């Protein structure tokens, strides 16, 4: 089983438009509403592949009731911590070429009791020895920045592998605690190491430094350039071109879900990277934040190398 902790879940509305024009009235060409939040998306992807998963999350208000209903309809096992506030709603505007403009709300203010109940809800699952526990996404107001760092320490004490997908101070503190895996995108990694990373070589140097300081594995998602995996014993780069991208919303979550699914079932890190990039590419080929099914992933072809071209320019 893979447990996901989503401290700041959302309802994700994706609206398709022909061309984003500021200050103009625009007609939507389509829209969809999905349960959202990084951990929720991971659990959605895992459920689509018939994998055992439990999504731990807070929920309150009308949006929280709707989120719980959408998760129930999707067949996703959840452990919901009731809160007094209403969860957030995020908006993504998607243009025909896949260009996505996201507007994310900050989320409800959690009380100390609600915050502690949320952490307890995740920690209680450690007794079942899940193959992975994932802490992912932003933190709502009222939640301490060291939430993920504390989660890393609790998982290490319980002998459970822990992955963190976050940004800013919560990621920095989690990294200092020594997680088994982090999955930043390029911008999050640049923020973490406090410098621009323009080439694959520079990303490799940054990720290697993190590994040398206690992170077991770093998987950096690079958008259309695939993903780079770095550990003490391995460097690998994988890419899967997408001919007709529809939406990038949730693609990084699908990538992480694929990696966790594969490695949780005994695959090597490299096989996990291949699976993750396939799942991420499949997600980009789908509308909104839909998570890929096995049928969606089956058509994806991944190129993988353990001798990557380090001169690859990531910002051309």
Foldseek 3Di string as FASTA:
>chain_A
DEEEEFAAKAKEKEFEFADDDPPDDTDTPDIDIATGGLRVLLQLQCVLAVHDYEYQYEAEDPRRVVNVVRCVVSVGHYDYQYFHDHGWYKYWYAHQQADIDIDTDQTDAGAPVSLVVSLVVQLVCLVVQAQEYEYEDDHHHNHDLCSLLVVQVSCVVSVHAYEYEYADSSVLSNLLSAHQEYEEEQVRLCRNVVHHDFWLLSVQVSQVVSQVNHHAKYWYQQVQQAIWIDGPVATKGKHWHAPGFAYQVNLSSQLVSQLCVQVSVPHDNQVSSQRSNLQSSLCRNDHDRNGDHPVSSVPIDMDMDRDDDRRGGSPD
